[in-house]
Amino acid sequence: MFAHVLGENAELRPLEPWQAEEFARHVDRVRDDLLPWIPFARMVVDVDSARAFLQSYADRQAADGGRIYGIWVDGALVGGVLFRVFDAAIGVCEVGVWLGTEARGRGLVTKAVRHMIDWAMNVRGMARVEWRCDPENANSRAAAKRIGFTHEATLRGSWVIEGERRDEEIWVLLKGE
């Protein structure tokens, strides 16, 4: 099985449908932290919805259109990273992240995303990696800056969460930057 070491007792591994129970428990634990920012926090409410969500990413991966990975610390799922969009034909992908508060401050997201960017650009030939976040999500904005993304644009009122129209920042890293 593929695993990438992120640090002491921490690793990045594929997150697959057979792990739906563990993923559902994880989302239950971190739901309150995710609700303002991450749409799947509303969709993944039990094992069946967790399995359906993970299966959607398995299907995307099979079609070369997306991927999802978990971050485990001491054998417990604490967060993850994903390619929400992966378009090899035009060389553009979008990375997304989430992490429970208990695992923050260890550089896990930074290391995981850098590994993903390296693979996307150097193995798959991506020219552009995007990071999208709500301007109010200070942790996400700080991570994008730390990793080396540049703020490119703010799409005003571009998405809706809980009936509220929200802005979305686009941060970009181009190959060679």
N, C-alpha and C. Protein backbone atom coordinates (compact mmCIF):
# COMPACT_ATOMS: atom_id res chain seq x y z
N MET A 1 0.84 -1.19 0.00
CA MET A 1 0.00 0.00 0.00
C MET A 1 0.88 1.24 0.00
N PHE A 2 0.45 2.25 -0.69
CA PHE A 2 1.14 3.53 -0.75
C PHE A 2 0.98 4.26 0.58
N ALA A 3 2.07 4.80 1.10
CA ALA A 3 2.05 5.69 2.25
C ALA A 3 3.25 6.62 2.12
N HIS A 4 3.05 7.88 2.43
CA HIS A 4 4.12 8.87 2.38
C HIS A 4 4.28 9.42 3.79
N VAL A 5 5.48 9.32 4.34
CA VAL A 5 5.75 9.80 5.69
C VAL A 5 5.74 11.33 5.70
N LEU A 6 4.97 11.90 6.63
CA LEU A 6 4.89 13.35 6.78
C LEU A 6 5.66 13.85 7.99
N GLY A 7 6.03 12.93 8.87
CA GLY A 7 6.73 13.29 10.10
C GLY A 7 6.60 12.15 11.08
N GLU A 8 7.01 12.41 12.31
CA GLU A 8 6.96 11.39 13.34
C GLU A 8 5.53 10.88 13.53
N ASN A 9 5.33 9.59 13.26
CA ASN A 9 4.04 8.92 13.42
C ASN A 9 2.93 9.51 12.57
N ALA A 10 3.30 10.20 11.49
CA ALA A 10 2.29 10.83 10.62
C ALA A 10 2.54 10.40 9.18
N GLU A 11 1.44 10.05 8.49
CA GLU A 11 1.58 9.65 7.10
C GLU A 11 0.36 10.04 6.28
N LEU A 12 0.62 10.12 4.97
CA LEU A 12 -0.39 10.42 3.97
C LEU A 12 -0.67 9.12 3.23
N ARG A 13 -1.97 8.75 3.15
CA ARG A 13 -2.35 7.51 2.45
C ARG A 13 -3.65 7.76 1.68
N PRO A 14 -3.90 6.94 0.65
CA PRO A 14 -5.19 7.05 -0.04
C PRO A 14 -6.34 6.85 0.94
N LEU A 15 -7.42 7.56 0.71
CA LEU A 15 -8.64 7.42 1.50
C LEU A 15 -9.67 6.82 0.56
N GLU A 16 -10.10 5.59 0.86
CA GLU A 16 -10.89 4.80 -0.08
C GLU A 16 -12.24 4.39 0.51
N PRO A 17 -13.18 3.97 -0.35
CA PRO A 17 -14.52 3.62 0.13
C PRO A 17 -14.55 2.59 1.26
N TRP A 18 -13.62 1.64 1.27
CA TRP A 18 -13.62 0.63 2.33
C TRP A 18 -13.32 1.24 3.70
N GLN A 19 -12.88 2.50 3.74
CA GLN A 19 -12.59 3.19 5.00
C GLN A 19 -13.74 4.12 5.42
N ALA A 20 -14.92 3.87 4.90
CA ALA A 20 -16.06 4.76 5.15
C ALA A 20 -16.40 4.90 6.63
N GLU A 21 -16.34 3.82 7.39
CA GLU A 21 -16.66 3.92 8.82
C GLU A 21 -15.69 4.86 9.53
N GLU A 22 -14.41 4.67 9.27
CA GLU A 22 -13.40 5.53 9.90
C GLU A 22 -13.58 6.98 9.46
N PHE A 23 -13.85 7.20 8.18
CA PHE A 23 -14.05 8.55 7.67
C PHE A 23 -15.29 9.19 8.30
N ALA A 24 -16.37 8.45 8.42
CA ALA A 24 -17.59 8.98 9.03
C ALA A 24 -17.34 9.39 10.48
N ARG A 25 -16.61 8.55 11.23
CA ARG A 25 -16.27 8.90 12.62
C ARG A 25 -15.40 10.16 12.68
N HIS A 26 -14.46 10.24 11.77
CA HIS A 26 -13.58 11.42 11.71
C HIS A 26 -14.38 12.69 11.44
N VAL A 27 -15.24 12.64 10.43
CA VAL A 27 -16.04 13.83 10.09
C VAL A 27 -16.91 14.23 11.27
N ASP A 28 -17.48 13.25 11.99
CA ASP A 28 -18.26 13.57 13.19
C ASP A 28 -17.42 14.33 14.21
N ARG A 29 -16.16 13.91 14.38
CA ARG A 29 -15.27 14.54 15.37
C ARG A 29 -14.91 15.97 14.99
N VAL A 30 -14.72 16.24 13.70
CA VAL A 30 -14.23 17.55 13.26
C VAL A 30 -15.30 18.42 12.61
N ARG A 31 -16.53 17.93 12.59
CA ARG A 31 -17.60 18.62 11.86
C ARG A 31 -17.72 20.10 12.21
N ASP A 32 -17.71 20.44 13.49
CA ASP A 32 -17.90 21.84 13.87
C ASP A 32 -16.81 22.74 13.30
N ASP A 33 -15.57 22.24 13.22
CA ASP A 33 -14.49 23.02 12.64
C ASP A 33 -14.64 23.17 11.13
N LEU A 34 -15.22 22.17 10.49
CA LEU A 34 -15.32 22.17 9.03
C LEU A 34 -16.54 22.92 8.50
N LEU A 35 -17.62 22.93 9.27
CA LEU A 35 -18.89 23.45 8.75
C LEU A 35 -18.81 24.82 8.07
N PRO A 36 -18.07 25.78 8.61
CA PRO A 36 -18.05 27.09 7.93
C PRO A 36 -17.34 27.08 6.57
N TRP A 37 -16.52 26.06 6.30
CA TRP A 37 -15.64 26.13 5.15
C TRP A 37 -15.75 24.97 4.17
N ILE A 38 -16.09 23.77 4.64
CA ILE A 38 -15.97 22.55 3.83
C ILE A 38 -17.36 21.97 3.56
N PRO A 39 -17.81 21.98 2.31
CA PRO A 39 -19.15 21.48 2.00
C PRO A 39 -19.40 20.02 2.40
N PHE A 40 -18.39 19.14 2.34
CA PHE A 40 -18.67 17.75 2.66
C PHE A 40 -19.01 17.54 4.13
N ALA A 41 -18.75 18.52 4.98
CA ALA A 41 -19.11 18.39 6.40
C ALA A 41 -20.63 18.29 6.58
N ARG A 42 -21.39 18.80 5.62
CA ARG A 42 -22.85 18.70 5.66
C ARG A 42 -23.35 17.42 4.99
N MET A 43 -22.57 16.91 4.06
CA MET A 43 -23.01 15.75 3.26
C MET A 43 -22.67 14.43 3.93
N VAL A 44 -21.55 14.36 4.62
CA VAL A 44 -21.10 13.11 5.24
C VAL A 44 -21.64 13.07 6.66
N VAL A 45 -22.76 12.33 6.82
CA VAL A 45 -23.44 12.30 8.12
C VAL A 45 -23.56 10.91 8.71
N ASP A 46 -23.18 9.89 7.93
CA ASP A 46 -23.23 8.51 8.41
C ASP A 46 -22.33 7.66 7.51
N VAL A 47 -22.26 6.38 7.77
CA VAL A 47 -21.37 5.51 7.01
C VAL A 47 -21.77 5.46 5.53
N ASP A 48 -23.05 5.40 5.25
CA ASP A 48 -23.49 5.33 3.85
C ASP A 48 -23.10 6.59 3.07
N SER A 49 -23.31 7.76 3.66
CA SER A 49 -22.93 9.00 2.95
C SER A 49 -21.41 9.13 2.87
N ALA A 50 -20.69 8.63 3.87
CA ALA A 50 -19.22 8.63 3.82
C ALA A 50 -18.74 7.74 2.68
N ARG A 51 -19.35 6.56 2.57
CA ARG A 51 -18.98 5.63 1.50
C ARG A 51 -19.28 6.25 0.12
N ALA A 52 -20.43 6.89 -0.01
CA ALA A 52 -20.79 7.51 -1.29
C ALA A 52 -19.81 8.63 -1.64
N PHE A 53 -19.42 9.42 -0.65
CA PHE A 53 -18.46 10.51 -0.89
C PHE A 53 -17.11 9.94 -1.32
N LEU A 54 -16.62 8.95 -0.59
CA LEU A 54 -15.34 8.34 -0.94
C LEU A 54 -15.41 7.62 -2.29
N GLN A 55 -16.56 7.01 -2.59
CA GLN A 55 -16.72 6.35 -3.88
C GLN A 55 -16.69 7.37 -5.02
N SER A 56 -17.24 8.56 -4.77
CA SER A 56 -17.20 9.59 -5.81
C SER A 56 -15.75 9.96 -6.15
N TYR A 57 -14.89 9.95 -5.13
CA TYR A 57 -13.48 10.23 -5.40
C TYR A 57 -12.78 9.03 -6.03
N ALA A 58 -13.17 7.82 -5.67
CA ALA A 58 -12.63 6.63 -6.34
C ALA A 58 -12.99 6.67 -7.82
N ASP A 59 -14.21 7.07 -8.12
CA ASP A 59 -14.64 7.19 -9.51
C ASP A 59 -13.88 8.30 -10.23
N ARG A 60 -13.67 9.43 -9.54
CA ARG A 60 -12.89 10.52 -10.14
C ARG A 60 -11.46 10.06 -10.43
N GLN A 61 -10.88 9.32 -9.49
CA GLN A 61 -9.51 8.84 -9.70
C GLN A 61 -9.45 7.89 -10.89
N ALA A 62 -10.43 7.00 -10.98
CA ALA A 62 -10.47 6.06 -12.11
C ALA A 62 -10.59 6.81 -13.44
N ALA A 63 -11.23 7.96 -13.43
CA ALA A 63 -11.38 8.78 -14.64
C ALA A 63 -10.27 9.83 -14.75
N ASP A 64 -9.29 9.78 -13.86
CA ASP A 64 -8.17 10.73 -13.81
C ASP A 64 -8.68 12.15 -13.62
N GLY A 65 -9.69 12.30 -12.74
CA GLY A 65 -10.28 13.61 -12.53
C GLY A 65 -10.23 14.12 -11.11
N GLY A 66 -9.64 13.39 -10.18
CA GLY A 66 -9.55 13.82 -8.79
C GLY A 66 -9.02 12.70 -7.93
N ARG A 67 -8.62 13.03 -6.72
CA ARG A 67 -8.08 12.05 -5.78
C ARG A 67 -8.29 12.56 -4.37
N ILE A 68 -8.33 11.64 -3.41
CA ILE A 68 -8.45 12.03 -2.01
C ILE A 68 -7.51 11.16 -1.16
N TYR A 69 -6.86 11.82 -0.21
CA TYR A 69 -5.90 11.16 0.67
C TYR A 69 -6.19 11.57 2.10
N GLY A 70 -5.93 10.66 3.03
CA GLY A 70 -6.07 10.95 4.44
C GLY A 70 -4.72 11.21 5.08
N ILE A 71 -4.75 11.96 6.16
CA ILE A 71 -3.57 12.17 6.99
C ILE A 71 -3.84 11.44 8.30
N TRP A 72 -2.96 10.49 8.63
CA TRP A 72 -3.08 9.72 9.85
C TRP A 72 -1.93 10.08 10.79
N VAL A 73 -2.24 10.25 12.06
CA VAL A 73 -1.24 10.45 13.11
C VAL A 73 -1.48 9.39 14.17
N ASP A 74 -0.44 8.65 14.48
CA ASP A 74 -0.55 7.56 15.45
C ASP A 74 -1.69 6.61 15.11
N GLY A 75 -1.89 6.38 13.81
CA GLY A 75 -2.91 5.45 13.34
C GLY A 75 -4.32 5.99 13.30
N ALA A 76 -4.52 7.27 13.67
CA ALA A 76 -5.86 7.88 13.66
C ALA A 76 -5.98 8.88 12.52
N LEU A 77 -7.08 8.82 11.80
CA LEU A 77 -7.35 9.78 10.73
C LEU A 77 -7.61 11.14 11.36
N VAL A 78 -6.80 12.16 10.97
CA VAL A 78 -6.91 13.49 11.57
C VAL A 78 -7.24 14.58 10.54
N GLY A 79 -7.19 14.23 9.25
CA GLY A 79 -7.45 15.22 8.22
C GLY A 79 -7.20 14.62 6.85
N GLY A 80 -7.08 15.50 5.87
CA GLY A 80 -6.83 15.00 4.54
C GLY A 80 -6.56 16.09 3.54
N VAL A 81 -6.19 15.65 2.36
CA VAL A 81 -5.93 16.52 1.23
C VAL A 81 -6.56 15.87 0.00
N LEU A 82 -6.91 16.67 -0.96
CA LEU A 82 -7.54 16.12 -2.15
C LEU A 82 -7.26 16.97 -3.36
N PHE A 83 -7.36 16.34 -4.50
CA PHE A 83 -7.42 17.07 -5.76
C PHE A 83 -8.91 17.12 -6.08
N ARG A 84 -9.55 18.23 -5.78
CA ARG A 84 -10.97 18.38 -6.07
C ARG A 84 -11.20 18.40 -7.57
N VAL A 85 -10.27 19.03 -8.27
CA VAL A 85 -10.28 19.08 -9.73
C VAL A 85 -8.90 18.62 -10.19
N PHE A 86 -8.88 17.79 -11.22
CA PHE A 86 -7.61 17.32 -11.79
C PHE A 86 -7.83 17.17 -13.28
N ASP A 87 -7.36 18.14 -14.05
CA ASP A 87 -7.57 18.14 -15.49
C ASP A 87 -6.22 18.06 -16.19
N ALA A 88 -5.79 16.83 -16.46
CA ALA A 88 -4.49 16.60 -17.08
C ALA A 88 -4.42 17.17 -18.50
N ALA A 89 -5.54 17.20 -19.20
CA ALA A 89 -5.55 17.68 -20.58
C ALA A 89 -5.14 19.15 -20.67
N ILE A 90 -5.57 19.96 -19.72
CA ILE A 90 -5.19 21.38 -19.75
C ILE A 90 -4.11 21.71 -18.72
N GLY A 91 -3.73 20.74 -17.89
CA GLY A 91 -2.64 20.95 -16.94
C GLY A 91 -2.99 21.79 -15.73
N VAL A 92 -4.25 21.69 -15.27
CA VAL A 92 -4.71 22.47 -14.12
C VAL A 92 -5.36 21.54 -13.11
N CYS A 93 -5.01 21.74 -11.84
CA CYS A 93 -5.67 20.99 -10.78
C CYS A 93 -5.93 21.93 -9.60
N GLU A 94 -6.81 21.49 -8.73
CA GLU A 94 -7.13 22.25 -7.52
C GLU A 94 -6.94 21.34 -6.32
N VAL A 95 -6.18 21.83 -5.35
CA VAL A 95 -5.95 21.08 -4.13
C VAL A 95 -6.83 21.65 -3.03
N GLY A 96 -7.35 20.75 -2.17
CA GLY A 96 -8.12 21.16 -1.01
C GLY A 96 -7.61 20.42 0.21
N VAL A 97 -7.85 20.99 1.38
CA VAL A 97 -7.32 20.41 2.62
C VAL A 97 -8.33 20.55 3.76
N TRP A 98 -8.16 19.70 4.76
CA TRP A 98 -8.85 19.88 6.05
C TRP A 98 -8.01 19.17 7.09
N LEU A 99 -8.08 19.67 8.33
CA LEU A 99 -7.30 19.09 9.42
C LEU A 99 -7.97 19.38 10.74
N GLY A 100 -8.12 18.34 11.56
CA GLY A 100 -8.67 18.51 12.90
C GLY A 100 -7.75 19.37 13.75
N THR A 101 -8.32 20.08 14.70
CA THR A 101 -7.53 21.00 15.53
C THR A 101 -6.42 20.28 16.30
N GLU A 102 -6.64 19.03 16.67
CA GLU A 102 -5.64 18.30 17.45
C GLU A 102 -4.35 18.04 16.69
N ALA A 103 -4.38 18.15 15.38
CA ALA A 103 -3.21 17.84 14.56
C ALA A 103 -2.57 19.10 13.96
N ARG A 104 -3.09 20.25 14.26
CA ARG A 104 -2.57 21.48 13.66
C ARG A 104 -1.24 21.88 14.31
N GLY A 105 -0.48 22.66 13.56
CA GLY A 105 0.77 23.18 14.09
C GLY A 105 1.97 22.26 13.89
N ARG A 106 1.80 21.17 13.17
CA ARG A 106 2.90 20.21 12.95
C ARG A 106 3.40 20.25 11.51
N GLY A 107 2.82 21.10 10.67
CA GLY A 107 3.24 21.20 9.28
C GLY A 107 2.73 20.07 8.40
N LEU A 108 1.73 19.34 8.87
CA LEU A 108 1.24 18.19 8.13
C LEU A 108 0.61 18.57 6.80
N VAL A 109 -0.22 19.60 6.80
CA VAL A 109 -0.86 20.04 5.56
C VAL A 109 0.19 20.57 4.60
N THR A 110 1.12 21.35 5.10
CA THR A 110 2.18 21.90 4.24
C THR A 110 2.96 20.77 3.57
N LYS A 111 3.38 19.79 4.35
CA LYS A 111 4.15 18.66 3.79
C LYS A 111 3.32 17.84 2.81
N ALA A 112 2.06 17.59 3.15
CA ALA A 112 1.20 16.79 2.28
C ALA A 112 0.95 17.50 0.95
N VAL A 113 0.65 18.79 1.01
CA VAL A 113 0.35 19.53 -0.22
C VAL A 113 1.61 19.68 -1.07
N ARG A 114 2.74 19.91 -0.45
CA ARG A 114 3.98 20.00 -1.24
C ARG A 114 4.26 18.68 -1.96
N HIS A 115 4.00 17.56 -1.29
CA HIS A 115 4.16 16.25 -1.92
C HIS A 115 3.20 16.10 -3.11
N MET A 116 1.96 16.52 -2.93
CA MET A 116 0.97 16.45 -4.00
C MET A 116 1.35 17.34 -5.18
N ILE A 117 1.83 18.55 -4.88
CA ILE A 117 2.23 19.47 -5.95
C ILE A 117 3.41 18.89 -6.72
N ASP A 118 4.37 18.34 -6.00
CA ASP A 118 5.53 17.73 -6.66
C ASP A 118 5.08 16.63 -7.63
N TRP A 119 4.18 15.77 -7.16
CA TRP A 119 3.67 14.70 -8.02
C TRP A 119 2.90 15.26 -9.21
N ALA A 120 2.00 16.22 -8.93
CA ALA A 120 1.15 16.77 -10.00
C ALA A 120 1.99 17.45 -11.09
N MET A 121 2.97 18.22 -10.67
CA MET A 121 3.76 18.97 -11.65
C MET A 121 4.85 18.12 -12.29
N ASN A 122 5.57 17.37 -11.49
CA ASN A 122 6.75 16.67 -12.01
C ASN A 122 6.46 15.29 -12.60
N VAL A 123 5.39 14.65 -12.15
CA VAL A 123 5.03 13.35 -12.71
C VAL A 123 3.92 13.50 -13.75
N ARG A 124 2.90 14.28 -13.43
CA ARG A 124 1.73 14.40 -14.30
C ARG A 124 1.77 15.60 -15.24
N GLY A 125 2.73 16.49 -15.07
CA GLY A 125 2.88 17.61 -15.99
C GLY A 125 1.93 18.76 -15.81
N MET A 126 1.35 18.88 -14.63
CA MET A 126 0.47 20.02 -14.37
C MET A 126 1.27 21.32 -14.45
N ALA A 127 0.66 22.36 -15.00
CA ALA A 127 1.29 23.67 -15.11
C ALA A 127 0.77 24.64 -14.05
N ARG A 128 -0.40 24.33 -13.51
CA ARG A 128 -1.06 25.27 -12.58
C ARG A 128 -1.78 24.47 -11.50
N VAL A 129 -1.51 24.83 -10.24
CA VAL A 129 -2.22 24.25 -9.11
C VAL A 129 -2.97 25.39 -8.42
N GLU A 130 -4.26 25.18 -8.22
CA GLU A 130 -5.09 26.20 -7.56
C GLU A 130 -5.43 25.77 -6.14
N TRP A 131 -5.63 26.76 -5.29
CA TRP A 131 -6.08 26.59 -3.91
C TRP A 131 -7.21 27.59 -3.75
N ARG A 132 -8.39 27.14 -3.41
CA ARG A 132 -9.53 28.03 -3.28
C ARG A 132 -10.01 28.01 -1.84
N CYS A 133 -10.33 29.20 -1.31
CA CYS A 133 -10.80 29.26 0.08
C CYS A 133 -11.63 30.52 0.30
N ASP A 134 -12.39 30.48 1.35
CA ASP A 134 -13.16 31.63 1.80
C ASP A 134 -12.16 32.65 2.38
N PRO A 135 -12.27 33.93 2.04
CA PRO A 135 -11.36 34.93 2.59
C PRO A 135 -11.37 35.00 4.12
N GLU A 136 -12.45 34.52 4.72
CA GLU A 136 -12.55 34.53 6.19
C GLU A 136 -11.83 33.35 6.84
N ASN A 137 -11.40 32.39 6.04
CA ASN A 137 -10.72 31.21 6.57
C ASN A 137 -9.23 31.50 6.71
N ALA A 138 -8.86 32.09 7.85
CA ALA A 138 -7.48 32.54 8.08
C ALA A 138 -6.48 31.39 8.03
N ASN A 139 -6.86 30.22 8.55
CA ASN A 139 -5.95 29.07 8.53
C ASN A 139 -5.64 28.62 7.10
N SER A 140 -6.65 28.60 6.26
CA SER A 140 -6.46 28.18 4.88
C SER A 140 -5.61 29.19 4.12
N ARG A 141 -5.89 30.46 4.30
CA ARG A 141 -5.11 31.51 3.64
C ARG A 141 -3.65 31.43 4.07
N ALA A 142 -3.40 31.24 5.36
CA ALA A 142 -2.03 31.16 5.88
C ALA A 142 -1.29 29.96 5.29
N ALA A 143 -1.99 28.83 5.18
CA ALA A 143 -1.36 27.64 4.60
C ALA A 143 -1.00 27.88 3.14
N ALA A 144 -1.90 28.48 2.40
CA ALA A 144 -1.62 28.77 0.98
C ALA A 144 -0.36 29.64 0.86
N LYS A 145 -0.27 30.67 1.68
CA LYS A 145 0.91 31.55 1.66
C LYS A 145 2.18 30.77 2.01
N ARG A 146 2.10 29.96 3.08
CA ARG A 146 3.27 29.19 3.54
C ARG A 146 3.80 28.27 2.44
N ILE A 147 2.90 27.68 1.69
CA ILE A 147 3.28 26.71 0.66
C ILE A 147 3.85 27.43 -0.57
N GLY A 148 3.54 28.71 -0.73
CA GLY A 148 4.09 29.46 -1.84
C GLY A 148 3.08 29.88 -2.89
N PHE A 149 1.80 29.69 -2.62
CA PHE A 149 0.77 30.12 -3.55
C PHE A 149 0.69 31.65 -3.56
N THR A 150 0.25 32.20 -4.68
CA THR A 150 0.06 33.64 -4.83
C THR A 150 -1.43 33.91 -4.99
N HIS A 151 -1.93 34.90 -4.25
CA HIS A 151 -3.34 35.27 -4.39
C HIS A 151 -3.55 35.90 -5.77
N GLU A 152 -4.43 35.28 -6.54
CA GLU A 152 -4.65 35.73 -7.92
C GLU A 152 -5.94 36.52 -8.08
N ALA A 153 -6.99 36.11 -7.36
CA ALA A 153 -8.29 36.76 -7.55
C ALA A 153 -9.22 36.43 -6.39
N THR A 154 -10.22 37.26 -6.25
CA THR A 154 -11.33 36.97 -5.35
C THR A 154 -12.61 36.99 -6.17
N LEU A 155 -13.30 35.86 -6.16
CA LEU A 155 -14.58 35.78 -6.86
C LEU A 155 -15.66 36.17 -5.85
N ARG A 156 -16.27 37.30 -6.06
CA ARG A 156 -17.25 37.80 -5.10
C ARG A 156 -18.58 37.07 -5.26
N GLY A 157 -19.10 36.60 -4.13
CA GLY A 157 -20.40 35.95 -4.12
C GLY A 157 -20.50 34.74 -5.02
N SER A 158 -19.40 33.97 -5.14
CA SER A 158 -19.35 32.90 -6.14
C SER A 158 -19.88 31.56 -5.68
N TRP A 159 -20.11 31.36 -4.38
CA TRP A 159 -20.65 30.07 -3.93
C TRP A 159 -21.56 30.30 -2.73
N VAL A 160 -22.37 29.31 -2.43
CA VAL A 160 -23.37 29.43 -1.37
C VAL A 160 -23.14 28.32 -0.36
N ILE A 161 -23.14 28.69 0.92
CA ILE A 161 -23.07 27.71 2.00
C ILE A 161 -24.11 28.12 3.04
N GLU A 162 -24.97 27.18 3.37
CA GLU A 162 -26.09 27.41 4.29
C GLU A 162 -26.92 28.62 3.89
N GLY A 163 -27.18 28.75 2.60
CA GLY A 163 -28.03 29.82 2.10
C GLY A 163 -27.35 31.19 2.03
N GLU A 164 -26.09 31.27 2.42
CA GLU A 164 -25.38 32.54 2.40
C GLU A 164 -24.40 32.58 1.23
N ARG A 165 -24.50 33.62 0.44
CA ARG A 165 -23.58 33.79 -0.68
C ARG A 165 -22.24 34.23 -0.13
N ARG A 166 -21.15 33.53 -0.57
CA ARG A 166 -19.81 33.77 -0.02
C ARG A 166 -18.82 34.09 -1.14
N ASP A 167 -17.77 34.80 -0.75
CA ASP A 167 -16.66 35.07 -1.66
C ASP A 167 -15.72 33.86 -1.66
N GLU A 168 -14.91 33.77 -2.70
CA GLU A 168 -13.93 32.69 -2.81
C GLU A 168 -12.63 33.27 -3.36
N GLU A 169 -11.54 33.06 -2.61
CA GLU A 169 -10.23 33.47 -3.10
C GLU A 169 -9.61 32.35 -3.91
N ILE A 170 -8.88 32.74 -4.95
CA ILE A 170 -8.13 31.77 -5.75
C ILE A 170 -6.65 32.09 -5.56
N TRP A 171 -5.95 31.10 -5.06
CA TRP A 171 -4.50 31.18 -4.89
C TRP A 171 -3.91 30.22 -5.92
N VAL A 172 -2.76 30.59 -6.51
CA VAL A 172 -2.21 29.81 -7.62
C VAL A 172 -0.71 29.62 -7.44
N LEU A 173 -0.28 28.44 -7.83
CA LEU A 173 1.15 28.13 -7.93
C LEU A 173 1.37 27.61 -9.34
N LEU A 174 2.27 28.27 -10.07
CA LEU A 174 2.60 27.86 -11.43
C LEU A 174 3.89 27.04 -11.44
N LYS A 175 3.97 26.14 -12.37
CA LYS A 175 5.18 25.32 -12.49
C LYS A 175 6.38 26.24 -12.63
N GLY A 176 7.43 25.95 -11.87
CA GLY A 176 8.63 26.75 -11.90
C GLY A 176 8.68 27.85 -10.85
N GLU A 177 7.57 28.06 -10.16
CA GLU A 177 7.58 29.08 -9.09
C GLU A 177 8.10 28.49 -7.79
